[in-house]
Amino acid sequence: MSLTSFEVRDIRTHKTLYQENSKHKIYLFSITKMFLSYVLMNYLDLDETFQTKIFYDGIIQDKVLKGNLYIEGGGDPYLSPNTLLGLSFKIKNSLKKIQGQLFIKHYHFPKMEMISKEFPAEDAYNTSLSPLNFNWNRLPKNSIISFSEIETTEKHVKDMPINNSEDVSKNYLEFLLNNIFEKKNLKKQELHMLFIEKSPPLLAMIKNLMEYSNNLISEALGYKLIHKQFPEERDKKSLDKKLKQLMEKEVSGLTFDKASGLSSQNIMSTKHILDFLQKNYNSLIKGESFLSIFPAKSYANLKKPFQIYTKTGTAHFAISIAGYLITEKKNEIIFSYSNYDPKKRILLSKNPNNQKLIKEAELFYKEAKKKEEDFILKIFHQY
């Protein structure tokens, strides 16, 4: 049996206009990214970046490296084949020959083979994470890659996860540099910096994850956030615990588990969601409006099209949305709406490959999405 929880509130008067079960705790899923973004903006510089570094040992004479090359990842979720191609051009511009080999310089960024055991391991959104990521750690459908760790001769039906991205990134860069490597077994020596490749700045990454809900970006940013607070901590379980404590301290009413929201343990009451939206409606964080990170969605099927600024959270047997809206009567409101079936959500989280439940969930989504849209249209016209 599905349940519904919602609340609509006037921003200026703080008056609740319409509510049902607003004290119930709902599944957040990707709505978690809204809270993560808020904490990131408060704790990190908005121009903060991830860095991928290239080192060498030995000496360079006449553009010949008499030593080895090293790649160190810093957890950059944007690291892509194009990034590595650009790095290979920079290296070839500086070096015409490398006598040694390419090695991974290990960095203390956490690794995981998948984000959540609640969801199928083969689904691309349930991605891996490592210091060296590769192409969002997914192999796109209809692609053929035929080097090293990833080999396939058939086109895929859907995106596939990459669970060994460190090796894939290293081997892809090696592939791109193959014509200048001699691959001699040389003794490893003291390291020197050659290049640093930077990701887009924090604010751009936040806006990306708010609009496209990329789980890899969220998890990487979550660990970057907690690493900044505890730079000497190496244990992943300890980092997870500290991140949970920080998020729950900064966001009242939040029960936190995964930075991406890919967990049924990420929950919060509808009322607390609206309290958060109310508090931060006009807030400026380091000169940046919090509202500006929300993606705008247009409802153009009406005589009078309108936009809402929201974050959504969706999984099997759960659909939620929260954000801001200017109504037909020009009133500014905040709202949160959720429709979910807790019993079936729990059953599927314990057996994520249950095809019968997955088919039921697909039907649930269609019906719940229609109810959500009807709800939004109603509050747009009524308030």
Protein backbone atom coordinates (compact mmCIF):
# COMPACT_ATOMS: atom_id res chain seq x y z
CA MET A 1 0.00 0.00 0.00
CA SER A 2 1.46 3.34 -1.03
CA LEU A 3 1.63 6.34 1.30
CA THR A 4 1.64 10.06 0.53
CA SER A 5 3.32 12.87 2.44
CA PHE A 6 3.29 16.51 1.41
CA GLU A 7 3.29 20.09 2.62
CA VAL A 8 2.85 23.46 0.91
CA ARG A 9 4.00 26.61 2.70
CA ASP A 10 3.87 30.32 1.95
CA ILE A 11 7.43 31.62 2.01
CA ARG A 12 6.60 35.13 3.24
CA THR A 13 4.12 34.28 6.01
CA HIS A 14 5.59 30.83 6.87
CA LYS A 15 1.98 29.62 6.93
CA THR A 16 1.24 26.01 6.01
CA LEU A 17 -1.35 26.09 3.22
CA TYR A 18 -1.86 22.39 2.59
CA GLN A 19 -0.42 19.26 4.17
CA GLU A 20 -0.84 15.55 4.68
CA ASN A 21 1.37 13.34 6.82
CA SER A 22 4.04 16.04 6.81
CA LYS A 23 5.66 14.67 9.97
CA HIS A 24 6.21 11.29 8.32
CA LYS A 25 9.80 10.51 7.40
CA ILE A 26 10.15 9.91 3.68
CA TYR A 27 12.81 8.33 1.47
CA LEU A 28 15.04 11.11 0.19
CA PHE A 29 17.20 9.33 -2.35
CA SER A 30 18.59 12.08 -4.65
CA ILE A 31 17.00 14.90 -2.63
CA THR A 32 19.97 14.19 -0.34
CA LYS A 33 22.11 15.98 -2.93
CA MET A 34 20.38 19.25 -2.02
CA PHE A 35 21.57 18.93 1.58
CA LEU A 36 25.03 17.77 0.51
CA SER A 37 25.33 20.81 -1.76
CA TYR A 38 24.41 23.13 1.11
CA VAL A 39 27.08 21.66 3.41
CA LEU A 40 29.69 21.64 0.64
CA MET A 41 29.07 25.31 -0.10
CA ASN A 42 29.48 26.18 3.56
CA TYR A 43 32.61 24.11 4.24
CA LEU A 44 34.63 24.24 1.01
CA ASP A 45 35.84 27.03 -1.25
CA LEU A 46 33.58 27.39 -4.28
CA ASP A 47 36.62 27.14 -6.57
CA GLU A 48 37.86 23.93 -4.89
CA THR A 49 38.95 21.25 -7.40
CA PHE A 50 40.00 17.62 -7.61
CA GLN A 51 43.55 17.10 -8.88
CA THR A 52 45.09 14.33 -10.96
CA LYS A 53 48.87 14.47 -10.83
CA ILE A 54 51.63 13.15 -13.09
CA PHE A 55 55.02 12.46 -11.49
CA TYR A 56 58.31 11.09 -12.75
CA ASP A 57 61.47 9.69 -11.23
CA GLY A 58 65.01 9.65 -12.63
CA ILE A 59 66.15 12.49 -14.86
CA ILE A 60 65.01 14.16 -18.09
CA GLN A 61 67.68 14.85 -20.71
CA ASP A 62 66.87 16.14 -24.20
CA LYS A 63 63.18 15.29 -23.63
CA VAL A 64 64.10 11.67 -22.79
CA LEU A 65 62.91 10.48 -19.38
CA LYS A 66 65.50 8.11 -17.93
CA GLY A 67 63.05 6.86 -15.35
CA ASN A 68 59.41 5.95 -14.71
CA LEU A 69 56.14 7.87 -15.00
CA TYR A 70 53.45 7.87 -12.29
CA ILE A 71 49.78 8.87 -12.23
CA GLU A 72 48.10 9.82 -8.93
CA GLY A 73 44.34 10.25 -8.82
CA GLY A 74 42.62 12.54 -6.34
CA GLY A 75 39.12 11.13 -6.79
CA ASP A 76 38.15 13.40 -9.72
CA PRO A 77 34.71 12.16 -10.87
CA TYR A 78 35.16 14.07 -14.15
CA LEU A 79 38.26 12.10 -15.21
CA SER A 80 37.44 10.92 -18.71
CA PRO A 81 39.05 9.49 -21.85
CA ASN A 82 39.26 13.07 -23.16
CA THR A 83 41.03 14.22 -19.98
CA LEU A 84 43.55 11.41 -20.30
CA LEU A 85 43.98 12.16 -24.00
CA GLY A 86 44.77 15.78 -23.11
CA LEU A 87 47.26 14.58 -20.48
CA SER A 88 48.93 12.32 -23.06
CA PHE A 89 49.40 15.32 -25.40
CA LYS A 90 50.98 17.33 -22.59
CA ILE A 91 53.33 14.46 -21.76
CA LYS A 92 54.29 13.91 -25.42
CA ASN A 93 54.95 17.63 -25.77
CA SER A 94 57.43 17.41 -22.88
CA LEU A 95 58.86 13.94 -23.46
CA LYS A 96 59.74 12.18 -26.68
CA LYS A 97 60.78 8.97 -24.95
CA ILE A 98 60.12 7.27 -21.57
CA GLN A 99 62.61 4.55 -20.80
CA GLY A 100 60.74 3.17 -17.80
CA GLN A 101 57.13 2.21 -17.12
CA LEU A 102 53.86 3.79 -15.98
CA PHE A 103 52.80 3.17 -12.37
CA ILE A 104 49.89 4.21 -10.18
CA LYS A 105 50.94 6.39 -7.24
CA HIS A 106 48.37 5.44 -4.65
CA TYR A 107 46.43 8.17 -2.92
CA HIS A 108 44.40 7.74 0.27
CA PHE A 109 41.04 8.46 -1.40
CA PRO A 110 38.43 5.78 -0.53
CA LYS A 111 37.56 2.97 -2.92
CA MET A 112 34.28 1.12 -3.34
CA GLU A 113 33.13 -1.40 -5.93
CA MET A 114 29.57 -0.09 -5.79
CA ILE A 115 27.74 2.61 -3.87
CA SER A 116 24.92 0.52 -2.43
CA LYS A 117 24.08 -3.16 -2.05
CA GLU A 118 20.40 -2.17 -2.10
CA PHE A 119 20.56 -1.79 -5.87
CA PRO A 120 21.72 -4.12 -8.66
CA ALA A 121 25.50 -4.17 -9.04
CA GLU A 122 25.20 -4.17 -12.83
CA ASP A 123 23.26 -0.87 -12.94
CA ALA A 124 25.46 2.00 -14.10
CA TYR A 125 24.07 4.47 -11.53
CA ASN A 126 25.35 2.13 -8.77
CA THR A 127 28.88 3.00 -9.74
CA SER A 128 32.27 2.29 -8.24
CA LEU A 129 34.54 4.98 -6.80
CA SER A 130 38.33 5.21 -6.66
CA PRO A 131 41.15 7.77 -6.68
CA LEU A 132 41.32 7.28 -10.47
CA ASN A 133 37.87 7.21 -12.03
CA PHE A 134 37.16 6.69 -15.72
CA ASN A 135 34.26 7.98 -17.82
CA TRP A 136 31.86 8.20 -14.83
CA ASN A 137 32.96 4.60 -14.13
CA ARG A 138 30.56 3.31 -16.73
CA LEU A 139 30.93 1.82 -20.17
CA PRO A 140 28.35 3.55 -22.37
CA LYS A 141 25.87 1.49 -24.35
CA ASN A 142 26.64 1.00 -28.02
CA SER A 143 30.36 1.48 -27.38
CA ILE A 144 33.21 -0.87 -28.16
CA ILE A 145 36.38 -0.56 -26.10
CA SER A 146 39.12 -3.05 -26.81
CA PHE A 147 42.08 -2.30 -24.59
CA SER A 148 43.43 -3.85 -21.42
CA GLU A 149 40.95 -4.31 -18.58
CA ILE A 150 37.78 -3.64 -20.59
CA GLU A 151 37.16 -5.84 -23.58
CA THR A 152 33.92 -6.42 -25.41
CA THR A 153 33.00 -7.34 -28.96
CA GLU A 154 29.25 -6.90 -28.64
CA LYS A 155 27.36 -3.65 -28.29
CA HIS A 156 25.69 -3.27 -24.91
CA VAL A 157 21.98 -2.99 -24.30
CA LYS A 158 22.59 -0.48 -21.51
CA ASP A 159 25.45 1.28 -19.76
CA MET A 160 27.65 -1.06 -17.77
CA PRO A 161 29.54 -0.21 -14.57
CA ILE A 162 33.34 -0.18 -14.48
CA ASN A 163 34.47 -1.66 -11.16
CA ASN A 164 38.26 -1.41 -11.66
CA SER A 165 38.58 2.18 -12.82
CA GLU A 166 42.09 2.72 -11.39
CA ASP A 167 43.52 0.03 -13.62
CA VAL A 168 41.41 1.16 -16.58
CA SER A 169 42.59 4.79 -16.33
CA LYS A 170 46.22 3.77 -15.93
CA ASN A 171 46.08 1.32 -18.82
CA TYR A 172 44.25 3.78 -21.07
CA LEU A 173 46.91 6.44 -20.49
CA GLU A 174 49.58 3.79 -21.14
CA PHE A 175 47.79 2.89 -24.37
CA LEU A 176 47.82 6.55 -25.46
CA LEU A 177 51.55 6.82 -24.69
CA ASN A 178 52.49 3.42 -26.04
CA ASN A 179 54.68 4.75 -28.88
CA ILE A 180 57.03 6.61 -26.49
CA PHE A 181 57.35 3.93 -23.76
CA GLU A 182 60.36 1.61 -23.79
CA LYS A 183 59.02 -0.18 -20.67
CA LYS A 184 62.40 -1.06 -19.19
CA ASN A 185 62.51 -2.33 -15.62
CA LEU A 186 64.12 0.65 -13.92
CA LYS A 187 64.63 1.20 -10.21
CA LYS A 188 62.06 3.51 -8.62
CA GLN A 189 63.55 6.74 -7.29
CA GLU A 190 62.52 10.03 -5.70
CA LEU A 191 59.45 11.53 -7.37
CA HIS A 192 59.14 14.92 -9.06
CA MET A 193 55.99 16.69 -10.23
CA LEU A 194 55.41 16.93 -13.99
CA PHE A 195 51.76 18.05 -14.42
CA ILE A 196 48.58 18.69 -12.45
CA GLU A 197 45.20 18.25 -14.14
CA LYS A 198 42.28 19.96 -12.37
CA SER A 199 38.57 19.20 -12.37
CA PRO A 200 35.88 21.87 -12.85
CA PRO A 201 35.45 24.03 -9.70
CA LEU A 202 33.20 22.99 -6.83
CA LEU A 203 30.29 25.28 -7.72
CA ALA A 204 30.11 23.90 -11.27
CA MET A 205 30.14 20.35 -9.90
CA ILE A 206 27.35 21.17 -7.43
CA LYS A 207 25.16 22.58 -10.18
CA ASN A 208 25.86 19.49 -12.28
CA LEU A 209 24.89 17.05 -9.54
CA MET A 210 21.76 19.07 -8.71
CA GLU A 211 20.59 18.98 -12.33
CA TYR A 212 21.77 15.55 -13.46
CA SER A 213 21.90 13.73 -10.10
CA ASN A 214 25.22 12.06 -10.86
CA ASN A 215 25.93 9.63 -8.02
CA LEU A 216 29.67 9.43 -8.65
CA ILE A 217 30.06 13.22 -8.30
CA SER A 218 28.06 13.14 -5.06
CA GLU A 219 30.06 10.35 -3.45
CA ALA A 220 33.38 11.88 -4.54
CA LEU A 221 32.38 15.30 -3.17
CA GLY A 222 31.20 13.73 0.08
CA TYR A 223 34.62 12.19 0.66
CA LYS A 224 36.40 15.37 -0.41
CA LEU A 225 34.33 17.27 2.15
CA ILE A 226 35.22 14.96 5.03
CA HIS A 227 38.88 14.62 3.94
CA LYS A 228 39.20 18.39 4.31
CA GLN A 229 38.05 18.14 7.91
CA PHE A 230 40.10 15.02 8.75
CA PRO A 231 43.08 14.95 6.34
CA GLU A 232 44.95 12.24 8.25
CA GLU A 233 42.03 9.80 8.40
CA ARG A 234 42.48 6.77 6.11
CA ASP A 235 39.81 4.30 7.21
CA LYS A 236 36.73 4.35 4.97
CA LYS A 237 34.33 3.27 7.74
CA SER A 238 35.59 6.06 9.96
CA LEU A 239 35.23 8.59 7.14
CA ASP A 240 31.66 7.40 6.50
CA LYS A 241 30.83 7.79 10.19
CA LYS A 242 32.35 11.29 10.36
CA LEU A 243 30.50 12.37 7.20
CA LYS A 244 27.23 11.13 8.67
CA GLN A 245 27.86 13.08 11.89
CA LEU A 246 28.73 16.26 9.99
CA MET A 247 25.69 16.09 7.69
CA GLU A 248 23.28 15.41 10.56
CA LYS A 249 24.81 18.25 12.60
CA GLU A 250 24.42 20.78 9.77
CA VAL A 251 20.96 19.71 8.50
CA SER A 252 18.30 19.49 11.20
CA GLY A 253 16.09 16.41 11.05
CA LEU A 254 18.24 14.54 8.51
CA THR A 255 19.12 10.87 8.86
CA PHE A 256 22.11 10.41 6.57
CA ASP A 257 23.76 7.35 5.05
CA LYS A 258 25.04 7.92 1.48
CA ALA A 259 26.15 11.22 -0.10
CA SER A 260 24.47 10.23 -3.36
CA GLY A 261 21.25 9.36 -1.55
CA LEU A 262 21.40 5.81 -2.95
CA SER A 263 20.12 4.31 0.28
CA SER A 264 16.79 3.73 2.00
CA GLN A 265 18.49 4.94 5.18
CA ASN A 266 18.54 8.54 3.92
CA ILE A 267 15.28 9.83 5.39
CA MET A 268 13.71 13.03 6.66
CA SER A 269 10.24 14.33 7.43
CA THR A 270 8.46 16.51 4.90
CA LYS A 271 8.14 19.20 7.58
CA HIS A 272 11.90 19.29 8.14
CA ILE A 273 12.49 19.54 4.39
CA LEU A 274 10.28 22.64 4.28
CA ASP A 275 11.97 24.10 7.35
CA PHE A 276 15.28 23.76 5.49
CA LEU A 277 13.90 25.35 2.30
CA GLN A 278 12.33 28.17 4.31
CA LYS A 279 15.58 28.92 6.12
CA ASN A 280 17.68 29.01 2.96
CA TYR A 281 15.31 30.63 0.48
CA ASN A 282 17.12 33.98 0.43
CA SER A 283 20.44 32.80 1.78
CA LEU A 284 23.76 33.77 0.24
CA ILE A 285 26.65 31.37 0.79
CA LYS A 286 30.01 32.98 0.04
CA GLY A 287 28.23 35.41 -2.26
CA GLU A 288 26.32 32.70 -4.14
CA SER A 289 22.54 32.36 -3.88
CA PHE A 290 21.52 28.92 -2.64
CA LEU A 291 18.48 29.08 -4.90
CA SER A 292 20.74 29.43 -7.94
CA ILE A 293 21.91 25.81 -7.72
CA PHE A 294 18.39 24.46 -8.27
CA PRO A 295 17.58 23.27 -11.80
CA ALA A 296 14.47 24.83 -13.35
CA LYS A 297 11.81 22.59 -14.87
CA SER A 298 9.20 24.07 -17.19
CA TYR A 299 5.59 22.98 -17.34
CA ALA A 300 4.78 23.99 -20.91
CA ASN A 301 1.61 21.96 -21.36
CA LEU A 302 -0.47 24.77 -19.85
CA LYS A 303 -1.88 27.93 -21.35
CA LYS A 304 0.42 29.75 -18.93
CA PRO A 305 3.74 27.87 -18.73
CA PHE A 306 5.58 28.11 -15.44
CA GLN A 307 8.81 26.94 -13.88
CA ILE A 308 9.60 25.18 -10.65
CA TYR A 309 13.00 25.00 -8.96
CA THR A 310 13.32 21.60 -7.42
CA LYS A 311 15.36 18.53 -6.54
CA THR A 312 13.82 15.13 -7.11
CA GLY A 313 14.51 11.75 -5.56
CA THR A 314 13.39 8.55 -7.24
CA ALA A 315 13.92 4.83 -6.71
CA HIS A 316 11.77 1.74 -7.04
CA PHE A 317 8.57 2.27 -5.02
CA ALA A 318 9.49 5.83 -4.02
CA ILE A 319 9.18 9.19 -5.74
CA SER A 320 9.79 12.57 -4.11
CA ILE A 321 10.20 16.20 -5.08
CA ALA A 322 10.97 19.37 -3.09
CA GLY A 323 11.60 22.98 -3.98
CA TYR A 324 10.26 26.42 -4.86
CA LEU A 325 7.40 27.65 -7.04
CA ILE A 326 5.76 30.95 -8.01
CA THR A 327 2.05 30.24 -8.40
CA GLU A 328 -0.46 31.54 -10.93
CA LYS A 329 -1.46 34.15 -8.33
CA LYS A 330 2.20 35.24 -8.02
CA ASN A 331 2.61 33.79 -4.56
CA GLU A 332 5.97 32.31 -3.62
CA ILE A 333 5.65 28.88 -2.06
CA ILE A 334 7.83 26.01 -1.00
CA PHE A 335 6.61 22.45 -1.19
CA SER A 336 7.59 18.84 -0.78
CA TYR A 337 5.70 15.83 -2.08
CA SER A 338 6.39 12.11 -1.74
CA ASN A 339 4.61 8.93 -2.74
CA TYR A 340 6.12 5.65 -1.60
CA ASP A 341 5.43 2.03 -0.67
CA PRO A 342 7.65 1.26 2.34
CA LYS A 343 6.86 -2.45 2.49
CA LYS A 344 7.81 -3.14 -1.12
CA ARG A 345 10.75 -0.74 -0.96
CA ILE A 346 12.19 -2.78 1.93
CA LEU A 347 11.53 -6.08 0.13
CA LEU A 348 13.31 -4.89 -2.99
CA SER A 349 16.24 -3.43 -1.06
CA LYS A 350 16.84 -6.93 0.36
CA ASN A 351 16.54 -8.57 -3.05
CA PRO A 352 17.43 -5.92 -5.66
CA ASN A 353 17.23 -8.33 -8.60
CA ASN A 354 13.65 -9.48 -7.93
CA GLN A 355 12.21 -9.06 -11.43
CA LYS A 356 8.60 -9.39 -10.31
CA LEU A 357 8.99 -6.48 -7.89
CA ILE A 358 10.93 -4.44 -10.46
CA LYS A 359 8.05 -4.75 -12.93
CA GLU A 360 5.60 -3.71 -10.20
CA ALA A 361 7.87 -0.76 -9.43
CA GLU A 362 7.76 0.39 -13.05
CA LEU A 363 3.97 0.52 -12.90
CA PHE A 364 4.15 2.26 -9.51
CA TYR A 365 6.43 4.94 -10.98
CA LYS A 366 4.04 5.76 -13.82
CA GLU A 367 1.09 6.13 -11.45
CA ALA A 368 3.09 8.04 -8.82
CA LYS A 369 4.56 10.41 -11.40
CA LYS A 370 1.08 11.27 -12.64
CA LYS A 371 -0.06 11.97 -9.06
CA GLU A 372 2.99 14.18 -8.50
CA GLU A 373 2.30 16.23 -11.63
CA ASP A 374 -1.37 16.59 -10.70
CA PHE A 375 -0.30 17.80 -7.25
CA ILE A 376 2.04 20.44 -8.71
CA LEU A 377 -0.59 21.70 -11.14
CA LYS A 378 -3.11 21.90 -8.31
CA ILE A 379 -0.94 24.02 -6.05
CA PHE A 380 0.10 26.22 -8.99
CA HIS A 381 -3.54 27.11 -9.72
CA GLN A 382 -4.94 27.07 -6.19
CA TYR A 383 -2.39 29.16 -4.32
